[in-house]
Amino acid sequence: MSIINRVKSKVKAWRLSHLKTLWSRYGIPFLVIFIAWEIVEDVVFPAIFYLLGTHVNEAFFLGIPAAWILCFHPVAVPILWAIYCYATRKKHVKIDLEEDDCC
């Protein structure tokens, strides 16, 4: 896949129509996870590479454009979604209909 196609997919991920589709299909928690991961991928990773390039080795500066070109959300978002679903699962209360107290 070329760099132009990767940039187009990044722009497509932030379109309002795409976000509305995710919201209607999976709900607010998935949309929050998706947006948070995009922020981490597009802001936090380049900042980490900048700091490493400044303080450790200049070769880390090469990671800044790589963080914008590479796309990890097809892998990371499902993993984070699975962790969220596992962490928020609730015990199902079994309702016993045979014990009838009304009659």
PDB file of N, CA and C in Angstrom:
ATOM      1  N   MET A   1       0.844  -1.168   0.000  1.00  0.00           N
ATOM      2  CA  MET A   1       0.000   0.000   0.000  1.00  0.00           C
ATOM      3  C   MET A   1       0.895   1.239   0.000  1.00  0.00           C
ATOM      4  N   SER A   2       0.576   2.182  -0.818  1.00  0.00           N
ATOM      5  CA  SER A   2       1.414   3.369  -0.942  1.00  0.00           C
ATOM      6  C   SER A   2       1.145   4.351   0.189  1.00  0.00           C
ATOM      7  N   ILE A   3       2.020   5.312   0.298  1.00  0.00           N
ATOM      8  CA  ILE A   3       1.910   6.328   1.342  1.00  0.00           C
ATOM      9  C   ILE A   3       0.648   7.163   1.145  1.00  0.00           C
ATOM     10  N   ILE A   4       0.318   7.449  -0.093  1.00  0.00           N
ATOM     11  CA  ILE A   4      -0.875   8.252  -0.380  1.00  0.00           C
ATOM     12  C   ILE A   4      -2.126   7.530   0.104  1.00  0.00           C
ATOM     13  N   ASN A   5      -2.212   6.226  -0.114  1.00  0.00           N
ATOM     14  CA  ASN A   5      -3.369   5.462   0.345  1.00  0.00           C
ATOM     15  C   ASN A   5      -3.448   5.430   1.869  1.00  0.00           C
ATOM     16  N   ARG A   6      -2.308   5.364   2.524  1.00  0.00           N
ATOM     17  CA  ARG A   6      -2.302   5.371   3.996  1.00  0.00           C
ATOM     18  C   ARG A   6      -2.783   6.719   4.538  1.00  0.00           C
ATOM     19  N   VAL A   7      -2.349   7.803   3.907  1.00  0.00           N
ATOM     20  CA  VAL A   7      -2.799   9.133   4.336  1.00  0.00           C
ATOM     21  C   VAL A   7      -4.298   9.275   4.096  1.00  0.00           C
ATOM     22  N   LYS A   8      -4.780   8.766   2.971  1.00  0.00           N
ATOM     23  CA  LYS A   8      -6.218   8.821   2.690  1.00  0.00           C
ATOM     24  C   LYS A   8      -7.009   8.035   3.727  1.00  0.00           C
ATOM     25  N   SER A   9      -6.497   6.888   4.153  1.00  0.00           N
ATOM     26  CA  SER A   9      -7.217   6.102   5.159  1.00  0.00           C
ATOM     27  C   SER A   9      -7.219   6.808   6.509  1.00  0.00           C
ATOM     28  N   LYS A  10      -6.132   7.534   6.824  1.00  0.00           N
ATOM     29  CA  LYS A  10      -6.105   8.317   8.061  1.00  0.00           C
ATOM     30  C   LYS A  10      -7.157   9.423   8.017  1.00  0.00           C
ATOM     31  N   VAL A  11      -7.255  10.112   6.879  1.00  0.00           N
ATOM     32  CA  VAL A  11      -8.233  11.188   6.733  1.00  0.00           C
ATOM     33  C   VAL A  11      -9.648  10.618   6.771  1.00  0.00           C
ATOM     34  N   LYS A  12      -9.852   9.465   6.140  1.00  0.00           N
ATOM     35  CA  LYS A  12     -11.168   8.828   6.134  1.00  0.00           C
ATOM     36  C   LYS A  12     -11.608   8.444   7.541  1.00  0.00           C
ATOM     37  N   ALA A  13     -10.668   8.062   8.395  1.00  0.00           N
ATOM     38  CA  ALA A  13     -11.010   7.652   9.756  1.00  0.00           C
ATOM     39  C   ALA A  13     -11.573   8.813  10.564  1.00  0.00           C
ATOM     40  N   TRP A  14     -11.215  10.051  10.222  1.00  0.00           N
ATOM     41  CA  TRP A  14     -11.690  11.205  10.972  1.00  0.00           C
ATOM     42  C   TRP A  14     -12.921  11.857  10.352  1.00  0.00           C
ATOM     43  N   ARG A  15     -13.440  11.322   9.259  1.00  0.00           N
ATOM     44  CA  ARG A  15     -14.647  11.895   8.662  1.00  0.00           C
ATOM     45  C   ARG A  15     -15.829  11.695   9.599  1.00  0.00           C
ATOM     46  N   LEU A  16     -16.700  12.687   9.632  1.00  0.00           N
ATOM     47  CA  LEU A  16     -17.856  12.645  10.521  1.00  0.00           C
ATOM     48  C   LEU A  16     -18.777  11.475  10.164  1.00  0.00           C
ATOM     49  N   SER A  17     -18.921  11.188   8.890  1.00  0.00           N
ATOM     50  CA  SER A  17     -19.791  10.078   8.500  1.00  0.00           C
ATOM     51  C   SER A  17     -19.252   8.740   9.009  1.00  0.00           C
ATOM     52  N   HIS A  18     -17.924   8.578   8.981  1.00  0.00           N
ATOM     53  CA  HIS A  18     -17.321   7.340   9.489  1.00  0.00           C
ATOM     54  C   HIS A  18     -17.503   7.233  11.002  1.00  0.00           C
ATOM     55  N   LEU A  19     -17.331   8.342  11.723  1.00  0.00           N
ATOM     56  CA  LEU A  19     -17.507   8.334  13.170  1.00  0.00           C
ATOM     57  C   LEU A  19     -18.963   8.060  13.553  1.00  0.00           C
ATOM     58  N   LYS A  20     -19.904   8.608  12.784  1.00  0.00           N
ATOM     59  CA  LYS A  20     -21.318   8.339  13.049  1.00  0.00           C
ATOM     60  C   LYS A  20     -21.648   6.866  12.825  1.00  0.00           C
ATOM     61  N   THR A  21     -21.046   6.269  11.801  1.00  0.00           N
ATOM     62  CA  THR A  21     -21.263   4.850  11.545  1.00  0.00           C
ATOM     63  C   THR A  21     -20.750   4.007  12.703  1.00  0.00           C
ATOM     64  N   LEU A  22     -19.553   4.321  13.209  1.00  0.00           N
ATOM     65  CA  LEU A  22     -19.009   3.586  14.355  1.00  0.00           C
ATOM     66  C   LEU A  22     -19.889   3.768  15.587  1.00  0.00           C
ATOM     67  N   TRP A  23     -20.382   4.987  15.784  1.00  0.00           N
ATOM     68  CA  TRP A  23     -21.219   5.270  16.937  1.00  0.00           C
ATOM     69  C   TRP A  23     -22.515   4.473  16.874  1.00  0.00           C
ATOM     70  N   SER A  24     -23.159   4.458  15.726  1.00  0.00           N
ATOM     71  CA  SER A  24     -24.430   3.748  15.621  1.00  0.00           C
ATOM     72  C   SER A  24     -24.245   2.234  15.677  1.00  0.00           C
ATOM     73  N   ARG A  25     -23.135   1.737  15.192  1.00  0.00           N
ATOM     74  CA  ARG A  25     -22.919   0.290  15.157  1.00  0.00           C
ATOM     75  C   ARG A  25     -22.458  -0.261  16.498  1.00  0.00           C
ATOM     76  N   TYR A  26     -21.541   0.447  17.183  1.00  0.00           N
ATOM     77  CA  TYR A  26     -20.926  -0.113  18.384  1.00  0.00           C
ATOM     78  C   TYR A  26     -21.183   0.690  19.658  1.00  0.00           C
ATOM     79  N   GLY A  27     -21.676   1.886  19.555  1.00  0.00           N
ATOM     80  CA  GLY A  27     -21.962   2.686  20.737  1.00  0.00           C
ATOM     81  C   GLY A  27     -20.830   3.637  21.091  1.00  0.00           C
ATOM     82  N   ILE A  28     -21.103   4.443  22.093  1.00  0.00           N
ATOM     83  CA  ILE A  28     -20.158   5.469  22.542  1.00  0.00           C
ATOM     84  C   ILE A  28     -18.835   4.887  23.038  1.00  0.00           C
ATOM     85  N   PRO A  29     -18.819   3.788  23.804  1.00  0.00           N
ATOM     86  CA  PRO A  29     -17.513   3.305  24.289  1.00  0.00           C
ATOM     87  C   PRO A  29     -16.541   2.964  23.166  1.00  0.00           C
ATOM     88  N   PHE A  30     -17.035   2.350  22.106  1.00  0.00           N
ATOM     89  CA  PHE A  30     -16.156   2.028  20.986  1.00  0.00           C
ATOM     90  C   PHE A  30     -15.648   3.298  20.318  1.00  0.00           C
ATOM     91  N   LEU A  31     -16.513   4.285  20.164  1.00  0.00           N
ATOM     92  CA  LEU A  31     -16.111   5.543  19.540  1.00  0.00           C
ATOM     93  C   LEU A  31     -15.046   6.246  20.382  1.00  0.00           C
ATOM     94  N   VAL A  32     -15.189   6.215  21.691  1.00  0.00           N
ATOM     95  CA  VAL A  32     -14.194   6.824  22.578  1.00  0.00           C
ATOM     96  C   VAL A  32     -12.856   6.096  22.461  1.00  0.00           C
ATOM     97  N   ILE A  33     -12.901   4.760  22.434  1.00  0.00           N
ATOM     98  CA  ILE A  33     -11.671   3.978  22.279  1.00  0.00           C
ATOM     99  C   ILE A  33     -11.019   4.291  20.946  1.00  0.00           C
ATOM    100  N   PHE A  34     -11.796   4.375  19.886  1.00  0.00           N
ATOM    101  CA  PHE A  34     -11.269   4.648  18.547  1.00  0.00           C
ATOM    102  C   PHE A  34     -10.601   6.024  18.492  1.00  0.00           C
ATOM    103  N   ILE A  35     -11.280   7.052  19.006  1.00  0.00           N
ATOM    104  CA  ILE A  35     -10.729   8.409  18.966  1.00  0.00           C
ATOM    105  C   ILE A  35      -9.503   8.518  19.862  1.00  0.00           C
ATOM    106  N   ALA A  36      -9.559   7.895  21.044  1.00  0.00           N
ATOM    107  CA  ALA A  36      -8.400   7.945  21.945  1.00  0.00           C
ATOM    108  C   ALA A  36      -7.189   7.277  21.314  1.00  0.00           C
ATOM    109  N   TRP A  37      -7.394   6.145  20.636  1.00  0.00           N
ATOM    110  CA  TRP A  37      -6.259   5.483  20.001  1.00  0.00           C
ATOM    111  C   TRP A  37      -5.700   6.337  18.865  1.00  0.00           C
ATOM    112  N   GLU A  38      -6.552   6.990  18.101  1.00  0.00           N
ATOM    113  CA  GLU A  38      -6.074   7.849  17.025  1.00  0.00           C
ATOM    114  C   GLU A  38      -5.243   9.005  17.583  1.00  0.00           C
ATOM    115  N   ILE A  39      -5.661   9.553  18.718  1.00  0.00           N
ATOM    116  CA  ILE A  39      -4.883  10.624  19.342  1.00  0.00           C
ATOM    117  C   ILE A  39      -3.536  10.094  19.798  1.00  0.00           C
ATOM    118  N   VAL A  40      -3.530   8.916  20.411  1.00  0.00           N
ATOM    119  CA  VAL A  40      -2.269   8.314  20.842  1.00  0.00           C
ATOM    120  C   VAL A  40      -1.372   8.069  19.640  1.00  0.00           C
ATOM    121  N   GLU A  41      -1.950   7.546  18.581  1.00  0.00           N
ATOM    122  CA  GLU A  41      -1.173   7.195  17.392  1.00  0.00           C
ATOM    123  C   GLU A  41      -0.633   8.422  16.661  1.00  0.00           C
ATOM    124  N   ASP A  42      -1.387   9.501  16.631  1.00  0.00           N
ATOM    125  CA  ASP A  42      -1.001  10.674  15.850  1.00  0.00           C
ATOM    126  C   ASP A  42      -0.320  11.775  16.665  1.00  0.00           C
ATOM    127  N   VAL A  43      -0.442  11.746  17.992  1.00  0.00           N
ATOM    128  CA  VAL A  43       0.147  12.797  18.816  1.00  0.00           C
ATOM    129  C   VAL A  43       1.177  12.239  19.799  1.00  0.00           C
ATOM    130  N   VAL A  44       0.793  11.226  20.551  1.00  0.00           N
ATOM    131  CA  VAL A  44       1.655  10.729  21.624  1.00  0.00           C
ATOM    132  C   VAL A  44       2.885  10.008  21.071  1.00  0.00           C
ATOM    133  N   PHE A  45       2.687   9.107  20.107  1.00  0.00           N
ATOM    134  CA  PHE A  45       3.842   8.391  19.541  1.00  0.00           C
ATOM    135  C   PHE A  45       4.869   9.347  18.922  1.00  0.00           C
ATOM    136  N   PRO A  46       4.457  10.327  18.087  1.00  0.00           N
ATOM    137  CA  PRO A  46       5.463  11.275  17.581  1.00  0.00           C
ATOM    138  C   PRO A  46       6.145  12.077  18.684  1.00  0.00           C
ATOM    139  N   ALA A  47       5.404  12.426  19.738  1.00  0.00           N
ATOM    140  CA  ALA A  47       6.026  13.163  20.848  1.00  0.00           C
ATOM    141  C   ALA A  47       7.065  12.302  21.550  1.00  0.00           C
ATOM    142  N   ILE A  48       6.761  11.028  21.726  1.00  0.00           N
ATOM    143  CA  ILE A  48       7.735  10.116  22.344  1.00  0.00           C
ATOM    144  C   ILE A  48       8.974   9.997  21.468  1.00  0.00           C
ATOM    145  N   PHE A  49       8.772   9.846  20.157  1.00  0.00           N
ATOM    146  CA  PHE A  49       9.917   9.759  19.246  1.00  0.00           C
ATOM    147  C   PHE A  49      10.732  11.052  19.254  1.00  0.00           C
ATOM    148  N   TYR A  50      10.074  12.203  19.375  1.00  0.00           N
ATOM    149  CA  TYR A  50      10.792  13.472  19.448  1.00  0.00           C
ATOM    150  C   TYR A  50      11.659  13.535  20.705  1.00  0.00           C
ATOM    151  N   LEU A  51      11.066  13.166  21.829  1.00  0.00           N
ATOM    152  CA  LEU A  51      11.828  13.192  23.078  1.00  0.00           C
ATOM    153  C   LEU A  51      12.991  12.207  23.051  1.00  0.00           C
ATOM    154  N   LEU A  52      12.764  11.020  22.494  1.00  0.00           N
ATOM    155  CA  LEU A  52      13.853  10.056  22.382  1.00  0.00           C
ATOM    156  C   LEU A  52      14.935  10.558  21.430  1.00  0.00           C
ATOM    157  N   GLY A  53      14.527  11.216  20.345  1.00  0.00           N
ATOM    158  CA  GLY A  53      15.506  11.771  19.418  1.00  0.00           C
ATOM    159  C   GLY A  53      16.309  12.905  20.016  1.00  0.00           C
ATOM    160  N   THR A  54      15.685  13.660  20.892  1.00  0.00           N
ATOM    161  CA  THR A  54      16.378  14.770  21.539  1.00  0.00           C
ATOM    162  C   THR A  54      17.341  14.295  22.622  1.00  0.00           C
ATOM    163  N   HIS A  55      16.927  13.339  23.409  1.00  0.00           N
ATOM    164  CA  HIS A  55      17.699  12.964  24.584  1.00  0.00           C
ATOM    165  C   HIS A  55      18.497  11.670  24.461  1.00  0.00           C
ATOM    166  N   VAL A  56      18.117  10.766  23.555  1.00  0.00           N
ATOM    167  CA  VAL A  56      18.792   9.472  23.481  1.00  0.00           C
ATOM    168  C   VAL A  56      19.666   9.377  22.234  1.00  0.00           C
ATOM    169  N   ASN A  57      19.018   9.365  21.070  1.00  0.00           N
ATOM    170  CA  ASN A  57      19.751   9.201  19.823  1.00  0.00           C
ATOM    171  C   ASN A  57      18.952   9.872  18.710  1.00  0.00           C
ATOM    172  N   GLU A  58      19.645  10.512  17.793  1.00  0.00           N
ATOM    173  CA  GLU A  58      18.973  11.239  16.717  1.00  0.00           C
ATOM    174  C   GLU A  58      18.239  10.318  15.752  1.00  0.00           C
ATOM    175  N   ALA A  59      18.536   9.048  15.749  1.00  0.00           N
ATOM    176  CA  ALA A  59      17.856   8.106  14.859  1.00  0.00           C
ATOM    177  C   ALA A  59      16.366   7.985  15.189  1.00  0.00           C
ATOM    178  N   PHE A  60      15.984   8.302  16.411  1.00  0.00           N
ATOM    179  CA  PHE A  60      14.574   8.227  16.804  1.00  0.00           C
ATOM    180  C   PHE A  60      13.725   9.277  16.100  1.00  0.00           C
ATOM    181  N   PHE A  61      14.339  10.333  15.553  1.00  0.00           N
ATOM    182  CA  PHE A  61      13.579  11.320  14.788  1.00  0.00           C
ATOM    183  C   PHE A  61      12.919  10.695  13.567  1.00  0.00           C
ATOM    184  N   LEU A  62      13.460   9.598  13.074  1.00  0.00           N
ATOM    185  CA  LEU A  62      12.856   8.907  11.933  1.00  0.00           C
ATOM    186  C   LEU A  62      11.520   8.274  12.294  1.00  0.00           C
ATOM    187  N   GLY A  63      11.275   8.087  13.553  1.00  0.00           N
ATOM    188  CA  GLY A  63      10.014   7.504  13.981  1.00  0.00           C
ATOM    189  C   GLY A  63       8.842   8.460  13.920  1.00  0.00           C
ATOM    190  N   ILE A  64       9.106   9.755  13.851  1.00  0.00           N
ATOM    191  CA  ILE A  64       8.015  10.735  13.817  1.00  0.00           C
ATOM    192  C   ILE A  64       7.184  10.596  12.542  1.00  0.00           C
ATOM    193  N   PRO A  65       7.775  10.645  11.347  1.00  0.00           N
ATOM    194  CA  PRO A  65       6.920  10.442  10.170  1.00  0.00           C
ATOM    195  C   PRO A  65       6.406   9.008  10.060  1.00  0.00           C
ATOM    196  N   ALA A  66       7.163   8.060  10.574  1.00  0.00           N
ATOM    197  CA  ALA A  66       6.701   6.670  10.531  1.00  0.00           C
ATOM    198  C   ALA A  66       5.445   6.493  11.375  1.00  0.00           C
ATOM    199  N   ALA A  67       5.353   7.204  12.482  1.00  0.00           N
ATOM    200  CA  ALA A  67       4.162   7.113  13.330  1.00  0.00           C
ATOM    201  C   ALA A  67       2.932   7.679  12.627  1.00  0.00           C
ATOM    202  N   TRP A  68       3.124   8.650  11.766  1.00  0.00           N
ATOM    203  CA  TRP A  68       1.994   9.206  11.025  1.00  0.00           C
ATOM    204  C   TRP A  68       1.623   8.360   9.818  1.00  0.00           C
ATOM    205  N   ILE A  69       2.572   7.645   9.257  1.00  0.00           N
ATOM    206  CA  ILE A  69       2.300   6.844   8.056  1.00  0.00           C
ATOM    207  C   ILE A  69       1.757   5.468   8.415  1.00  0.00           C
ATOM    208  N   LEU A  70       2.360   4.824   9.419  1.00  0.00           N
ATOM    209  CA  LEU A  70       1.910   3.489   9.801  1.00  0.00           C
ATOM    210  C   LEU A  70       0.572   3.576  10.516  1.00  0.00           C
ATOM    211  N   CYS A  71      -0.211   2.557  10.330  1.00  0.00           N
ATOM    212  CA  CYS A  71      -1.561   2.557  10.869  1.00  0.00           C
ATOM    213  C   CYS A  71      -1.734   1.312  11.741  1.00  0.00           C
ATOM    214  N   PHE A  72      -1.835   1.514  13.048  1.00  0.00           N
ATOM    215  CA  PHE A  72      -1.959   0.390  13.962  1.00  0.00           C
ATOM    216  C   PHE A  72      -3.373   0.192  14.499  1.00  0.00           C
ATOM    217  N   HIS A  73      -4.316   1.066  14.152  1.00  0.00           N
ATOM    218  CA  HIS A  73      -5.636   0.909  14.755  1.00  0.00           C
ATOM    219  C   HIS A  73      -6.399  -0.332  14.304  1.00  0.00           C
ATOM    220  N   PRO A  74      -6.130  -0.935  13.133  1.00  0.00           N
ATOM    221  CA  PRO A  74      -6.812  -2.207  12.863  1.00  0.00           C
ATOM    222  C   PRO A  74      -6.411  -3.329  13.824  1.00  0.00           C
ATOM    223  N   VAL A  75      -5.278  -3.176  14.472  1.00  0.00           N
ATOM    224  CA  VAL A  75      -4.839  -4.168  15.448  1.00  0.00           C
ATOM    225  C   VAL A  75      -5.145  -3.696  16.871  1.00  0.00           C
ATOM    226  N   ALA A  76      -4.843  -2.456  17.166  1.00  0.00           N
ATOM    227  CA  ALA A  76      -4.929  -1.956  18.537  1.00  0.00           C
ATOM    228  C   ALA A  76      -6.369  -1.749  19.008  1.00  0.00           C
ATOM    229  N   VAL A  77      -7.231  -1.215  18.167  1.00  0.00           N
ATOM    230  CA  VAL A  77      -8.598  -0.928  18.596  1.00  0.00           C
ATOM    231  C   VAL A  77      -9.359  -2.213  18.945  1.00  0.00           C
ATOM    232  N   PRO A  78      -9.282  -3.289  18.154  1.00  0.00           N
ATOM    233  CA  PRO A  78      -9.958  -4.519  18.591  1.00  0.00           C
ATOM    234  C   PRO A  78      -9.406  -5.081  19.902  1.00  0.00           C
ATOM    235  N   ILE A  79      -8.100  -4.952  20.115  1.00  0.00           N
ATOM    236  CA  ILE A  79      -7.528  -5.424  21.377  1.00  0.00           C
ATOM    237  C   ILE A  79      -8.050  -4.586  22.540  1.00  0.00           C
ATOM    238  N   LEU A  80      -8.053  -3.264  22.387  1.00  0.00           N
ATOM    239  CA  LEU A  80      -8.573  -2.388  23.447  1.00  0.00           C
ATOM    240  C   LEU A  80     -10.070  -2.604  23.667  1.00  0.00           C
ATOM    241  N   TRP A  81     -10.813  -2.858  22.590  1.00  0.00           N
ATOM    242  CA  TRP A  81     -12.247  -3.128  22.705  1.00  0.00           C
ATOM    243  C   TRP A  81     -12.484  -4.433  23.470  1.00  0.00           C
ATOM    244  N   ALA A  82     -11.678  -5.452  23.190  1.00  0.00           N
ATOM    245  CA  ALA A  82     -11.815  -6.725  23.908  1.00  0.00           C
ATOM    246  C   ALA A  82     -11.499  -6.552  25.391  1.00  0.00           C
ATOM    247  N   ILE A  83     -10.471  -5.762  25.692  1.00  0.00           N
ATOM    248  CA  ILE A  83     -10.133  -5.492  27.096  1.00  0.00           C
ATOM    249  C   ILE A  83     -11.273  -4.750  27.780  1.00  0.00           C
ATOM    250  N   TYR A  84     -11.859  -3.771  27.081  1.00  0.00           N
ATOM    251  CA  TYR A  84     -12.989  -3.033  27.645  1.00  0.00           C
ATOM    252  C   TYR A  84     -14.174  -3.964  27.902  1.00  0.00           C
ATOM    253  N   CYS A  85     -14.498  -4.802  26.925  1.00  0.00           N
ATOM    254  CA  CYS A  85     -15.630  -5.726  27.090  1.00  0.00           C
ATOM    255  C   CYS A  85     -15.377  -6.697  28.235  1.00  0.00           C
ATOM    256  N   TYR A  86     -14.151  -7.173  28.371  1.00  0.00           N
ATOM    257  CA  TYR A  86     -13.816  -8.084  29.463  1.00  0.00           C
ATOM    258  C   TYR A  86     -13.892  -7.378  30.814  1.00  0.00           C
ATOM    259  N   ALA A  87     -13.442  -6.135  30.868  1.00  0.00           N
ATOM    260  CA  ALA A  87     -13.411  -5.404  32.137  1.00  0.00           C
ATOM    261  C   ALA A  87     -14.798  -4.957  32.583  1.00  0.00           C
ATOM    262  N   THR A  88     -15.709  -4.721  31.669  1.00  0.00           N
ATOM    263  CA  THR A  88     -17.021  -4.194  32.039  1.00  0.00           C
ATOM    264  C   THR A  88     -18.118  -5.236  32.022  1.00  0.00           C
ATOM    265  N   ARG A  89     -17.759  -6.492  31.860  1.00  0.00           N
ATOM    266  CA  ARG A  89     -18.818  -7.502  31.840  1.00  0.00           C
ATOM    267  C   ARG A  89     -19.478  -7.567  33.212  1.00  0.00           C
ATOM    268  N   LYS A  90     -20.763  -7.815  33.171  1.00  0.00           N
ATOM    269  CA  LYS A  90     -21.537  -7.830  34.409  1.00  0.00           C
ATOM    270  C   LYS A  90     -22.081  -9.233  34.624  1.00  0.00           C
ATOM    271  N   LYS A  91     -22.283  -9.563  35.873  1.00  0.00           N
ATOM    272  CA  LYS A  91     -22.882 -10.848  36.180  1.00  0.00           C
ATOM    273  C   LYS A  91     -24.346 -10.798  35.779  1.00  0.00           C
ATOM    274  N   HIS A  92     -24.769 -11.814  35.105  1.00  0.00           N
ATOM    275  CA  HIS A  92     -26.174 -11.889  34.728  1.00  0.00           C
ATOM    276  C   HIS A  92     -26.957 -12.464  35.898  1.00  0.00           C
ATOM    277  N   VAL A  93     -28.005 -11.788  36.255  1.00  0.00           N
ATOM    278  CA  VAL A  93     -28.836 -12.243  37.359  1.00  0.00           C
ATOM    279  C   VAL A  93     -29.872 -13.194  36.801  1.00  0.00           C
ATOM    280  N   LYS A  94     -29.870 -14.388  37.332  1.00  0.00           N
ATOM    281  CA  LYS A  94     -30.835 -15.375  36.882  1.00  0.00           C
ATOM    282  C   LYS A  94     -32.155 -15.130  37.601  1.00  0.00           C
ATOM    283  N   ILE A  95     -33.185 -14.991  36.823  1.00  0.00           N
ATOM    284  CA  ILE A  95     -34.511 -14.747  37.382  1.00  0.00           C
ATOM    285  C   ILE A  95     -35.249 -16.071  37.428  1.00  0.00           C
ATOM    286  N   ASP A  96     -35.666 -16.437  38.611  1.00  0.00           N
ATOM    287  CA  ASP A  96     -36.380 -17.692  38.785  1.00  0.00           C
ATOM    288  C   ASP A  96     -37.875 -17.413  38.716  1.00  0.00           C
ATOM    289  N   LEU A  97     -38.494 -17.829  37.657  1.00  0.00           N
ATOM    290  CA  LEU A  97     -39.906 -17.543  37.454  1.00  0.00           C
ATOM    291  C   LEU A  97     -40.806 -18.536  38.171  1.00  0.00           C
ATOM    292  N   GLU A  98     -40.280 -19.605  38.705  1.00  0.00           N
ATOM    293  CA  GLU A  98     -41.103 -20.599  39.375  1.00  0.00           C
ATOM    294  C   GLU A  98     -41.523 -20.131  40.754  1.00  0.00           C
ATOM    295  N   GLU A  99     -40.770 -19.283  41.385  1.00  0.00           N
ATOM    296  CA  GLU A  99     -41.147 -18.761  42.691  1.00  0.00           C
ATOM    297  C   GLU A  99     -42.081 -17.572  42.470  1.00  0.00           C
ATOM    298  N   ASP A 100     -43.321 -17.813  42.577  1.00  0.00           N
ATOM    299  CA  ASP A 100     -44.292 -16.787  42.306  1.00  0.00           C
ATOM    300  C   ASP A 100     -44.844 -16.293  43.644  1.00  0.00           C
ATOM    301  N   ASP A 101     -44.555 -15.090  44.003  1.00  0.00           N
ATOM    302  CA  ASP A 101     -44.990 -14.543  45.291  1.00  0.00           C
ATOM    303  C   ASP A 101     -46.311 -13.779  45.202  1.00  0.00           C
ATOM    304  N   CYS A 102     -46.796 -13.585  44.007  1.00  0.00           N
ATOM    305  CA  CYS A 102     -47.972 -12.732  43.881  1.00  0.00           C
ATOM    306  C   CYS A 102     -49.282 -13.477  44.153  1.00  0.00           C
ATOM    307  N   CYS A 103     -49.327 -14.751  43.970  1.00  0.00           N
ATOM    308  CA  CYS A 103     -50.610 -15.472  44.103  1.00  0.00           C
ATOM    309  C   CYS A 103     -50.650 -16.395  45.286  1.00  0.00           C
TER     310      CYS A 103
END
